[in-house]
C-alpha cells in the first residue's frame, strides 16, 4: 500500500492521484456571463448535488496548479451570482471537451464548441440546448478552500429552475439511465460512459433488514469462490430459506450433481459455490442460498 502525505510530493502529481482515484465524477457544464454580458461555458468535474429542499448544487473551479490563476467561470459567478449547470451526456462529450480550451476572456465557447445557447427563464446565463438537463441556479456563496495553486472554490448554487428533455424519461416519468446516456470524468484524458453493460442495479436495503454478512455461515463466508459482492447480496436477505425448501431444491435441481460427487465432498462444495456464484450474477439470490445450504443438509 502506497501512503502519501499531502505536500510530500509535487502538487500536480498528488492532483493526478486524486483525479485518478476519485471517479467517475459527474460534470457540471457551467454557463455564466461576465459583467459586460459576454457568455462563458466551461466544464468542471468537481461537482455534485447536495440536497433537494432547497435544491443545492456545488461545483468547484479550482485554481490552476501551474500558475495559481483563477477561471473565468469563478470570476463571473462572483460578479453576477448566476450560473446554469448543464448536464453532459455522450452526444456532447467532444464539444464539452473542446469548450475547456483556455480561450481569452470574452471569447464565446458556445460558438467555439458549436453548441446552441438557449435563453434561460429566470437567470441571465444561457442554457445549452443539446444538454439533456439544465439547472438554472442562483449563487448563494463561494467558499475558497485555499489561496495556492490547486485550491478549490466551492460555488454553492440553489437551483431555481430545472429543464428536462422529455426524451430521456421512461414510461413512469423518471429519468431513464439508458436514455440519458451520461458520461463521467476519470483521471487524465479518460471518461466513462454510463450505458450498456456499464449499467447495473443493486437493490437498496430500504424496506428490508438484511441479515448481514456476519450472519452468513462461516463455510460460506470464507469461501474461496464467492466474492465480496456475492456475500453482500447474500447478506441482504431478511431470512434464509427453510430446510424443507432447501431439501426440495436439492432433490429437484441438484440431484445429479450430488450423485456425481457423492464421494468427493471437497469438490462438491467447490462446485456448489461456483454454481451459487453464477446464480448471484444472474440476480437469483434465493436459488443461490438454496444451493449453498444443500451442502450440509
C-alpha atoms as a PDB file:
ATOM      1  CA  UNK A   1       0.000   0.000   0.000  1.00  0.00           C
ATOM      2  CA  UNK A   2       1.462   3.349  -1.100  1.00  0.00           C
ATOM      3  CA  UNK A   3       0.882   6.013   1.558  1.00  0.00           C
ATOM      4  CA  UNK A   4       1.257   9.722   0.726  1.00  0.00           C
ATOM      5  CA  UNK A   5       1.180  12.765   2.982  1.00  0.00           C
ATOM      6  CA  UNK A   6      -0.144  15.820   1.084  1.00  0.00           C
ATOM      7  CA  UNK A   7       2.747  18.171   0.413  1.00  0.00           C
ATOM      8  CA  UNK A   8       5.344  15.401   0.337  1.00  0.00           C
ATOM      9  CA  UNK A   9       5.114  15.103  -3.449  1.00  0.00           C
ATOM     10  CA  UNK A  10       4.571  17.773  -6.138  1.00  0.00           C
ATOM     11  CA  UNK A  11       1.025  19.156  -6.243  1.00  0.00           C
ATOM     12  CA  UNK A  12       0.438  18.120  -9.895  1.00  0.00           C
ATOM     13  CA  UNK A  13       1.335  14.523  -9.023  1.00  0.00           C
ATOM     14  CA  UNK A  14      -0.947  14.486  -5.976  1.00  0.00           C
ATOM     15  CA  UNK A  15      -3.679  16.143  -8.041  1.00  0.00           C
ATOM     16  CA  UNK A  16      -3.332  13.365 -10.610  1.00  0.00           C
ATOM     17  CA  UNK A  17      -3.656  10.664  -7.957  1.00  0.00           C
ATOM     18  CA  UNK A  18      -6.849  12.278  -6.633  1.00  0.00           C
ATOM     19  CA  UNK A  19      -8.440  12.566 -10.066  1.00  0.00           C
ATOM     20  CA  UNK A  20      -7.459   9.017 -10.949  1.00  0.00           C
ATOM     21  CA  UNK A  21      -8.817   7.562  -7.718  1.00  0.00           C
ATOM     22  CA  UNK A  22     -11.991   9.565  -7.117  1.00  0.00           C
ATOM     23  CA  UNK A  23     -14.282   8.865 -10.025  1.00  0.00           C
ATOM     24  CA  UNK A  24     -16.215   8.658 -12.150  1.00  0.00           C
ATOM     25  CA  UNK A  25     -17.168  12.249 -11.422  1.00  0.00           C
ATOM     26  CA  UNK A  26     -20.284  13.942 -12.857  1.00  0.00           C
ATOM     27  CA  UNK A  27     -19.596  17.004 -14.981  1.00  0.00           C
ATOM     28  CA  UNK A  28     -21.029  20.469 -14.404  1.00  0.00           C
ATOM     29  CA  UNK A  29     -21.068  22.175 -17.793  1.00  0.00           C
ATOM     30  CA  UNK A  30     -21.247  25.666 -16.324  1.00  0.00           C
ATOM     31  CA  UNK A  31     -22.644  28.586 -18.301  1.00  0.00           C
ATOM     32  CA  UNK A  32     -22.014  32.088 -16.928  1.00  0.00           C
ATOM     33  CA  UNK A  33     -21.835  35.650 -18.191  1.00  0.00           C
ATOM     34  CA  UNK A  34     -19.416  38.418 -17.261  1.00  0.00           C
ATOM     35  CA  UNK A  35     -20.279  41.968 -16.190  1.00  0.00           C
ATOM     36  CA  UNK A  36     -20.495  43.011 -19.855  1.00  0.00           C
ATOM     37  CA  UNK A  37     -22.886  40.197 -20.774  1.00  0.00           C
ATOM     38  CA  UNK A  38     -20.346  38.005 -22.574  1.00  0.00           C
ATOM     39  CA  UNK A  39     -21.197  34.280 -22.344  1.00  0.00           C
ATOM     40  CA  UNK A  40     -18.738  31.760 -20.934  1.00  0.00           C
ATOM     41  CA  UNK A  41     -19.065  27.986 -20.991  1.00  0.00           C
ATOM     42  CA  UNK A  42     -16.713  25.533 -19.276  1.00  0.00           C
ATOM     43  CA  UNK A  43     -16.877  22.024 -17.715  1.00  0.00           C
ATOM     44  CA  UNK A  44     -15.968  21.105 -14.122  1.00  0.00           C
ATOM     45  CA  UNK A  45     -15.889  17.619 -12.652  1.00  0.00           C
ATOM     46  CA  UNK A  46     -15.602  18.674  -9.014  1.00  0.00           C
ATOM     47  CA  UNK A  47     -19.397  18.657  -8.908  1.00  0.00           C
ATOM     48  CA  UNK A  48     -22.467  17.113  -7.323  1.00  0.00           C
ATOM     49  CA  UNK A  49     -25.864  17.898  -5.780  1.00  0.00           C
ATOM     50  CA  UNK A  50     -26.285  18.245  -2.036  1.00  0.00           C
ATOM     51  CA  UNK A  51     -29.973  18.296  -1.191  1.00  0.00           C
ATOM     52  CA  UNK A  52     -33.398  18.722  -2.734  1.00  0.00           C
ATOM     53  CA  UNK A  53     -35.131  21.090  -0.314  1.00  0.00           C
ATOM     54  CA  UNK A  54     -33.692  23.533  -1.062  1.00  0.00           C
ATOM     55  CA  UNK A  55     -32.075  22.015  -4.160  1.00  0.00           C
ATOM     56  CA  UNK A  56     -28.353  22.712  -3.863  1.00  0.00           C
ATOM     57  CA  UNK A  57     -25.612  22.013  -6.393  1.00  0.00           C
ATOM     58  CA  UNK A  58     -21.930  22.685  -5.773  1.00  0.00           C
ATOM     59  CA  UNK A  59     -19.096  22.744  -8.269  1.00  0.00           C
ATOM     60  CA  UNK A  60     -15.525  23.909  -7.915  1.00  0.00           C
ATOM     61  CA  UNK A  61     -13.401  25.746 -10.485  1.00  0.00           C
ATOM     62  CA  UNK A  62     -10.065  25.077  -8.789  1.00  0.00           C
ATOM     63  CA  UNK A  63      -7.166  27.493  -9.015  1.00  0.00           C
ATOM     64  CA  UNK A  64      -4.805  26.446 -11.792  1.00  0.00           C
ATOM     65  CA  UNK A  65      -1.975  24.333 -10.410  1.00  0.00           C
ATOM     66  CA  UNK A  66       0.642  25.586 -12.852  1.00  0.00           C
ATOM     67  CA  UNK A  67       0.320  29.339 -12.222  1.00  0.00           C
ATOM     68  CA  UNK A  68      -2.277  29.831  -9.446  1.00  0.00           C
ATOM     69  CA  UNK A  69      -4.668  31.799 -11.675  1.00  0.00           C
ATOM     70  CA  UNK A  70      -8.464  31.551 -11.456  1.00  0.00           C
ATOM     71  CA  UNK A  71     -11.053  30.566 -14.049  1.00  0.00           C
ATOM     72  CA  UNK A  72     -13.401  32.964 -15.834  1.00  0.00           C
ATOM     73  CA  UNK A  73     -16.319  30.924 -14.511  1.00  0.00           C
ATOM     74  CA  UNK A  74     -15.314  31.696 -10.930  1.00  0.00           C
ATOM     75  CA  UNK A  75     -14.891  35.387 -11.655  1.00  0.00           C
ATOM     76  CA  UNK A  76     -18.280  35.559 -13.387  1.00  0.00           C
ATOM     77  CA  UNK A  77     -20.060  33.624 -10.637  1.00  0.00           C
ATOM     78  CA  UNK A  78     -18.716  36.022  -8.027  1.00  0.00           C
ATOM     79  CA  UNK A  79     -19.731  39.050 -10.078  1.00  0.00           C
ATOM     80  CA  UNK A  80     -23.177  38.125 -11.417  1.00  0.00           C
ATOM     81  CA  UNK A  81     -24.232  35.485  -8.834  1.00  0.00           C
ATOM     82  CA  UNK A  82     -25.876  33.337 -11.508  1.00  0.00           C
ATOM     83  CA  UNK A  83     -24.977  30.152 -13.382  1.00  0.00           C
ATOM     84  CA  UNK A  84     -26.599  27.430 -15.456  1.00  0.00           C
ATOM     85  CA  UNK A  85     -25.310  23.907 -14.849  1.00  0.00           C
ATOM     86  CA  UNK A  86     -25.849  21.791 -17.948  1.00  0.00           C
ATOM     87  CA  UNK A  87     -25.617  18.014 -17.613  1.00  0.00           C
ATOM     88  CA  UNK A  88     -23.239  16.277 -20.008  1.00  0.00           C
ATOM     89  CA  UNK A  89     -24.167  13.118 -21.900  1.00  0.00           C
ATOM     90  CA  UNK A  90     -22.298  11.147 -24.535  1.00  0.00           C
ATOM     91  CA  UNK A  91     -23.707  13.038 -27.504  1.00  0.00           C
ATOM     92  CA  UNK A  92     -21.961  16.286 -26.472  1.00  0.00           C
ATOM     93  CA  UNK A  93     -18.824  14.989 -24.735  1.00  0.00           C
ATOM     94  CA  UNK A  94     -16.428  16.020 -27.514  1.00  0.00           C
ATOM     95  CA  UNK A  95     -17.925  19.515 -27.772  1.00  0.00           C
ATOM     96  CA  UNK A  96     -17.817  19.805 -23.989  1.00  0.00           C
ATOM     97  CA  UNK A  97     -14.137  18.894 -24.009  1.00  0.00           C
ATOM     98  CA  UNK A  98     -13.420  21.444 -26.740  1.00  0.00           C
ATOM     99  CA  UNK A  99     -15.040  24.180 -24.671  1.00  0.00           C
ATOM    100  CA  UNK A 100     -12.489  23.558 -21.895  1.00  0.00           C
ATOM    101  CA  UNK A 101      -9.817  25.144 -24.098  1.00  0.00           C
ATOM    102  CA  UNK A 102      -8.475  28.191 -22.286  1.00  0.00           C
ATOM    103  CA  UNK A 103      -9.702  30.857 -24.645  1.00  0.00           C
ATOM    104  CA  UNK A 104      -9.182  34.510 -23.813  1.00  0.00           C
ATOM    105  CA  UNK A 105     -11.713  36.348 -21.661  1.00  0.00           C
ATOM    106  CA  UNK A 106     -14.752  37.339 -23.693  1.00  0.00           C
ATOM    107  CA  UNK A 107     -14.460  34.508 -26.220  1.00  0.00           C
ATOM    108  CA  UNK A 108     -17.801  32.721 -26.609  1.00  0.00           C
ATOM    109  CA  UNK A 109     -17.307  28.970 -26.022  1.00  0.00           C
ATOM    110  CA  UNK A 110     -20.829  28.304 -27.319  1.00  0.00           C
ATOM    111  CA  UNK A 111     -19.569  29.403 -30.732  1.00  0.00           C
ATOM    112  CA  UNK A 112     -16.201  27.670 -30.428  1.00  0.00           C
ATOM    113  CA  UNK A 113     -17.794  24.354 -29.413  1.00  0.00           C
ATOM    114  CA  UNK A 114     -20.694  24.587 -31.866  1.00  0.00           C
ATOM    115  CA  UNK A 115     -23.351  24.424 -29.148  1.00  0.00           C
ATOM    116  CA  UNK A 116     -26.694  26.217 -29.155  1.00  0.00           C
ATOM    117  CA  UNK A 117     -27.407  28.860 -26.481  1.00  0.00           C
ATOM    118  CA  UNK A 118     -30.952  28.894 -25.118  1.00  0.00           C
ATOM    119  CA  UNK A 119     -32.366  31.831 -23.193  1.00  0.00           C
ATOM    120  CA  UNK A 120     -32.981  30.900 -19.564  1.00  0.00           C
ATOM    121  CA  UNK A 121     -36.272  31.577 -17.793  1.00  0.00           C
ATOM    122  CA  UNK A 122     -35.004  33.125 -14.549  1.00  0.00           C
ATOM    123  CA  UNK A 123     -31.239  33.724 -14.733  1.00  0.00           C
ATOM    124  CA  UNK A 124     -29.222  35.570 -17.387  1.00  0.00           C
ATOM    125  CA  UNK A 125     -26.658  32.897 -18.407  1.00  0.00           C
ATOM    126  CA  UNK A 126     -27.713  30.774 -21.377  1.00  0.00           C
ATOM    127  CA  UNK A 127     -28.602  27.105 -21.278  1.00  0.00           C
ATOM    128  CA  UNK A 128     -27.046  24.530 -23.610  1.00  0.00           C
ATOM    129  CA  UNK A 129     -29.839  23.319 -25.882  1.00  0.00           C
ATOM    130  CA  UNK A 130     -28.092  19.994 -26.549  1.00  0.00           C
ATOM    131  CA  UNK A 131     -27.819  19.147 -22.830  1.00  0.00           C
ATOM    132  CA  UNK A 132     -30.495  16.687 -21.598  1.00  0.00           C
ATOM    133  CA  UNK A 133     -30.931  18.501 -18.257  1.00  0.00           C
ATOM    134  CA  UNK A 134     -30.268  22.152 -17.473  1.00  0.00           C
ATOM    135  CA  UNK A 135     -30.256  23.681 -13.988  1.00  0.00           C
ATOM    136  CA  UNK A 136     -30.775  27.419 -13.668  1.00  0.00           C
ATOM    137  CA  UNK A 137     -29.049  28.481 -10.461  1.00  0.00           C
ATOM    138  CA  UNK A 138     -28.508  31.432  -8.165  1.00  0.00           C
ATOM    139  CA  UNK A 139     -25.109  31.529  -6.473  1.00  0.00           C
ATOM    140  CA  UNK A 140     -25.602  31.532  -2.715  1.00  0.00           C
ATOM    141  CA  UNK A 141     -21.974  31.507  -1.606  1.00  0.00           C
ATOM    142  CA  UNK A 142     -18.432  30.935  -2.826  1.00  0.00           C
ATOM    143  CA  UNK A 143     -16.137  29.155  -0.390  1.00  0.00           C
ATOM    144  CA  UNK A 144     -12.421  29.431  -1.113  1.00  0.00           C
ATOM    145  CA  UNK A 145     -10.559  26.431   0.306  1.00  0.00           C
ATOM    146  CA  UNK A 146      -7.112  27.971  -0.158  1.00  0.00           C
ATOM    147  CA  UNK A 147      -5.056  30.574  -1.967  1.00  0.00           C
ATOM    148  CA  UNK A 148      -2.413  28.426  -3.663  1.00  0.00           C
ATOM    149  CA  UNK A 149      -2.500  26.583  -6.981  1.00  0.00           C
ATOM    150  CA  UNK A 150      -4.819  23.581  -6.834  1.00  0.00           C
ATOM    151  CA  UNK A 151      -7.085  25.073  -4.161  1.00  0.00           C
ATOM    152  CA  UNK A 152     -10.817  24.702  -4.684  1.00  0.00           C
ATOM    153  CA  UNK A 153     -13.514  27.341  -4.898  1.00  0.00           C
ATOM    154  CA  UNK A 154     -16.860  25.851  -3.934  1.00  0.00           C
ATOM    155  CA  UNK A 155     -19.609  27.624  -5.834  1.00  0.00           C
ATOM    156  CA  UNK A 156     -22.715  26.817  -3.822  1.00  0.00           C
ATOM    157  CA  UNK A 157     -25.780  27.183  -6.019  1.00  0.00           C
ATOM    158  CA  UNK A 158     -29.504  26.991  -5.406  1.00  0.00           C
ATOM    159  CA  UNK A 159     -31.431  25.505  -8.314  1.00  0.00           C
ATOM    160  CA  UNK A 160     -34.281  27.862  -9.164  1.00  0.00           C
ATOM    161  CA  UNK A 161     -35.483  26.013 -12.274  1.00  0.00           C
ATOM    162  CA  UNK A 162     -34.803  22.645 -13.868  1.00  0.00           C
ATOM    163  CA  UNK A 163     -35.326  21.837 -17.539  1.00  0.00           C
ATOM    164  CA  UNK A 164     -35.544  18.189 -18.653  1.00  0.00           C
ATOM    165  CA  UNK A 165     -35.652  16.873 -22.197  1.00  0.00           C
ATOM    166  CA  UNK A 166     -38.699  14.586 -22.111  1.00  0.00           C
ATOM    167  CA  UNK A 167     -36.997  12.158 -24.483  1.00  0.00           C
ATOM    168  CA  UNK A 168     -34.833  10.897 -21.596  1.00  0.00           C
ATOM    169  CA  UNK A 169     -37.823   9.954 -19.415  1.00  0.00           C
ATOM    170  CA  UNK A 170     -39.260   6.462 -19.079  1.00  0.00           C
ATOM    171  CA  UNK A 171     -42.935   5.469 -19.091  1.00  0.00           C
ATOM    172  CA  UNK A 172     -43.240   6.431 -15.414  1.00  0.00           C
ATOM    173  CA  UNK A 173     -41.819   9.895 -15.983  1.00  0.00           C
ATOM    174  CA  UNK A 174     -38.474   9.078 -14.342  1.00  0.00           C
ATOM    175  CA  UNK A 175     -35.042   9.726 -15.818  1.00  0.00           C
ATOM    176  CA  UNK A 176     -34.075   6.600 -17.751  1.00  0.00           C
ATOM    177  CA  UNK A 177     -30.332   5.931 -17.229  1.00  0.00           C
ATOM    178  CA  UNK A 178     -30.113   4.294 -20.647  1.00  0.00           C
ATOM    179  CA  UNK A 179     -31.760   7.184 -22.440  1.00  0.00           C
ATOM    180  CA  UNK A 180     -29.874   9.987 -20.710  1.00  0.00           C
ATOM    181  CA  UNK A 181     -26.552   8.272 -21.592  1.00  0.00           C
ATOM    182  CA  UNK A 182     -24.411  10.170 -19.085  1.00  0.00           C
ATOM    183  CA  UNK A 183     -20.633  10.416 -19.081  1.00  0.00           C
ATOM    184  CA  UNK A 184     -18.338  10.732 -16.079  1.00  0.00           C
ATOM    185  CA  UNK A 185     -14.830  12.096 -15.707  1.00  0.00           C
ATOM    186  CA  UNK A 186     -11.918   9.867 -14.794  1.00  0.00           C
ATOM    187  CA  UNK A 187      -8.215  10.687 -14.457  1.00  0.00           C
ATOM    188  CA  UNK A 188      -6.089  12.116 -17.273  1.00  0.00           C
ATOM    189  CA  UNK A 189      -7.912  12.068 -20.614  1.00  0.00           C
ATOM    190  CA  UNK A 190     -10.246   9.268 -19.554  1.00  0.00           C
ATOM    191  CA  UNK A 191     -14.050   9.326 -19.343  1.00  0.00           C
ATOM    192  CA  UNK A 192     -16.626   6.638 -18.680  1.00  0.00           C
ATOM    193  CA  UNK A 193     -19.954   6.184 -20.448  1.00  0.00           C
ATOM    194  CA  UNK A 194     -22.847   5.184 -18.199  1.00  0.00           C
ATOM    195  CA  UNK A 195     -24.644   2.966 -20.662  1.00  0.00           C
ATOM    196  CA  UNK A 196     -24.815  -0.592 -21.954  1.00  0.00           C
ATOM    197  CA  UNK A 197     -23.070  -3.197 -19.818  1.00  0.00           C
ATOM    198  CA  UNK A 198     -21.706  -0.440 -17.551  1.00  0.00           C
ATOM    199  CA  UNK A 199     -25.188  -0.057 -16.034  1.00  0.00           C
ATOM    200  CA  UNK A 200     -26.341  -2.444 -13.329  1.00  0.00           C
ATOM    201  CA  UNK A 201     -28.817  -2.402 -10.458  1.00  0.00           C
ATOM    202  CA  UNK A 202     -28.162  -3.006  -6.764  1.00  0.00           C
ATOM    203  CA  UNK A 203     -31.263  -3.446  -4.615  1.00  0.00           C
ATOM    204  CA  UNK A 204     -31.315  -0.841  -1.858  1.00  0.00           C
ATOM    205  CA  UNK A 205     -31.923  -2.297   1.636  1.00  0.00           C
ATOM    206  CA  UNK A 206     -34.503   0.373   2.477  1.00  0.00           C
ATOM    207  CA  UNK A 207     -37.619  -1.705   3.047  1.00  0.00           C
ATOM    208  CA  UNK A 208     -35.855  -4.793   4.359  1.00  0.00           C
ATOM    209  CA  UNK A 209     -33.459  -5.569   7.181  1.00  0.00           C
ATOM    210  CA  UNK A 210     -30.749  -7.772   5.717  1.00  0.00           C
ATOM    211  CA  UNK A 211     -29.197 -10.446   7.910  1.00  0.00           C
ATOM    212  CA  UNK A 212     -25.715  -9.056   7.200  1.00  0.00           C
ATOM    213  CA  UNK A 213     -22.531 -10.808   6.116  1.00  0.00           C
ATOM    214  CA  UNK A 214     -21.716 -11.618   9.753  1.00  0.00           C
ATOM    215  CA  UNK A 215     -24.724 -13.963   9.883  1.00  0.00           C
ATOM    216  CA  UNK A 216     -23.660 -15.996   6.856  1.00  0.00           C
ATOM    217  CA  UNK A 217     -22.388 -19.449   7.886  1.00  0.00           C
ATOM    218  CA  UNK A 218     -18.606 -19.488   8.158  1.00  0.00           C
ATOM    219  CA  UNK A 219     -18.006 -22.121   5.481  1.00  0.00           C
ATOM    220  CA  UNK A 220     -19.843 -19.866   3.019  1.00  0.00           C
ATOM    221  CA  UNK A 221     -18.422 -16.579   4.301  1.00  0.00           C
ATOM    222  CA  UNK A 222     -14.847 -17.835   3.947  1.00  0.00           C
ATOM    223  CA  UNK A 223     -15.405 -19.339   0.501  1.00  0.00           C
ATOM    224  CA  UNK A 224     -12.541 -19.106  -1.978  1.00  0.00           C
ATOM    225  CA  UNK A 225     -15.072 -18.830  -4.804  1.00  0.00           C
ATOM    226  CA  UNK A 226     -17.616 -16.287  -3.613  1.00  0.00           C
ATOM    227  CA  UNK A 227     -16.657 -12.628  -3.948  1.00  0.00           C
ATOM    228  CA  UNK A 228     -17.323  -9.714  -1.618  1.00  0.00           C
ATOM    229  CA  UNK A 229     -20.161  -8.637  -3.890  1.00  0.00           C
ATOM    230  CA  UNK A 230     -21.590 -12.158  -3.680  1.00  0.00           C
ATOM    231  CA  UNK A 231     -21.526 -12.001   0.117  1.00  0.00           C
ATOM    232  CA  UNK A 232     -23.166  -8.576   0.024  1.00  0.00           C
ATOM    233  CA  UNK A 233     -26.050  -9.984  -1.994  1.00  0.00           C
ATOM    234  CA  UNK A 234     -26.381 -12.990   0.308  1.00  0.00           C
ATOM    235  CA  UNK A 235     -26.360 -10.749   3.379  1.00  0.00           C
ATOM    236  CA  UNK A 236     -29.150  -8.569   2.006  1.00  0.00           C
ATOM    237  CA  UNK A 237     -31.884 -11.180   2.548  1.00  0.00           C
ATOM    238  CA  UNK A 238     -34.204 -10.919   5.544  1.00  0.00           C
ATOM    239  CA  UNK A 239     -34.159 -14.627   6.288  1.00  0.00           C
ATOM    240  CA  UNK A 240     -32.677 -17.858   4.980  1.00  0.00           C
ATOM    241  CA  UNK A 241     -34.705 -20.444   3.039  1.00  0.00           C
ATOM    242  CA  UNK A 242     -36.231 -23.047   5.334  1.00  0.00           C
ATOM    243  CA  UNK A 243     -34.936 -26.607   5.468  1.00  0.00           C
ATOM    244  CA  UNK A 244     -37.897 -28.032   3.563  1.00  0.00           C
ATOM    245  CA  UNK A 245     -37.354 -25.675   0.607  1.00  0.00           C
ATOM    246  CA  UNK A 246     -33.628 -26.404   0.604  1.00  0.00           C
ATOM    247  CA  UNK A 247     -34.164 -30.169   0.543  1.00  0.00           C
ATOM    248  CA  UNK A 248     -36.767 -29.877  -2.209  1.00  0.00           C
ATOM    249  CA  UNK A 249     -34.360 -27.749  -4.278  1.00  0.00           C
ATOM    250  CA  UNK A 250     -31.635 -30.323  -3.695  1.00  0.00           C
ATOM    251  CA  UNK A 251     -33.833 -33.149  -4.992  1.00  0.00           C
ATOM    252  CA  UNK A 252     -35.271 -31.227  -7.934  1.00  0.00           C
ATOM    253  CA  UNK A 253     -32.309 -29.165  -9.176  1.00  0.00           C
ATOM    254  CA  UNK A 254     -29.102 -30.651  -7.785  1.00  0.00           C
ATOM    255  CA  UNK A 255     -29.693 -34.405  -7.591  1.00  0.00           C
ATOM    256  CA  UNK A 256     -27.382 -35.218 -10.495  1.00  0.00           C
ATOM    257  CA  UNK A 257     -24.546 -33.151  -9.060  1.00  0.00           C
ATOM    258  CA  UNK A 258     -24.838 -34.772  -5.631  1.00  0.00           C
ATOM    259  CA  UNK A 259     -24.923 -38.220  -7.185  1.00  0.00           C
ATOM    260  CA  UNK A 260     -21.890 -37.475  -9.355  1.00  0.00           C
ATOM    261  CA  UNK A 261     -19.791 -36.202  -6.445  1.00  0.00           C
ATOM    262  CA  UNK A 262     -21.168 -38.183  -3.525  1.00  0.00           C
ATOM    263  CA  UNK A 263     -17.676 -39.441  -2.642  1.00  0.00           C
ATOM    264  CA  UNK A 264     -15.884 -36.143  -3.267  1.00  0.00           C
ATOM    265  CA  UNK A 265     -17.142 -33.657  -0.640  1.00  0.00           C
ATOM    266  CA  UNK A 266     -14.396 -31.088  -1.273  1.00  0.00           C
ATOM    267  CA  UNK A 267     -15.114 -30.959  -4.999  1.00  0.00           C
ATOM    268  CA  UNK A 268     -18.864 -30.962  -4.337  1.00  0.00           C
ATOM    269  CA  UNK A 269     -18.605 -27.920  -2.080  1.00  0.00           C
ATOM    270  CA  UNK A 270     -16.449 -26.145  -4.647  1.00  0.00           C
ATOM    271  CA  UNK A 271     -18.952 -26.859  -7.444  1.00  0.00           C
ATOM    272  CA  UNK A 272     -21.873 -25.696  -5.311  1.00  0.00           C
ATOM    273  CA  UNK A 273     -20.102 -22.434  -4.513  1.00  0.00           C
ATOM    274  CA  UNK A 274     -19.326 -21.897  -8.195  1.00  0.00           C
ATOM    275  CA  UNK A 275     -22.943 -22.547  -9.110  1.00  0.00           C
ATOM    276  CA  UNK A 276     -24.097 -20.120  -6.431  1.00  0.00           C
ATOM    277  CA  UNK A 277     -21.671 -17.510  -7.784  1.00  0.00           C
ATOM    278  CA  UNK A 278     -23.214 -17.900 -11.248  1.00  0.00           C
ATOM    279  CA  UNK A 279     -26.755 -17.678  -9.864  1.00  0.00           C
ATOM    280  CA  UNK A 280     -25.893 -14.496  -7.969  1.00  0.00           C
ATOM    281  CA  UNK A 281     -24.528 -12.972 -11.179  1.00  0.00           C
ATOM    282  CA  UNK A 282     -27.981 -13.583 -12.669  1.00  0.00           C
ATOM    283  CA  UNK A 283     -29.706 -11.984  -9.670  1.00  0.00           C
ATOM    284  CA  UNK A 284     -31.083 -15.309  -8.402  1.00  0.00           C
ATOM    285  CA  UNK A 285     -30.300 -14.792  -4.734  1.00  0.00           C
ATOM    286  CA  UNK A 286     -32.837 -17.251  -3.294  1.00  0.00           C
ATOM    287  CA  UNK A 287     -31.654 -20.028  -5.595  1.00  0.00           C
ATOM    288  CA  UNK A 288     -28.040 -19.272  -4.650  1.00  0.00           C
ATOM    289  CA  UNK A 289     -28.871 -19.564  -0.961  1.00  0.00           C
ATOM    290  CA  UNK A 290     -30.654 -22.876  -1.503  1.00  0.00           C
ATOM    291  CA  UNK A 291     -27.666 -24.165  -3.465  1.00  0.00           C
ATOM    292  CA  UNK A 292     -25.210 -23.216  -0.726  1.00  0.00           C
ATOM    293  CA  UNK A 293     -27.309 -24.603   2.095  1.00  0.00           C
ATOM    294  CA  UNK A 294     -27.742 -28.022   0.445  1.00  0.00           C
ATOM    295  CA  UNK A 295     -24.149 -28.959   1.253  1.00  0.00           C
ATOM    296  CA  UNK A 296     -24.794 -29.540   4.936  1.00  0.00           C
ATOM    297  CA  UNK A 297     -28.355 -30.848   4.511  1.00  0.00           C
END
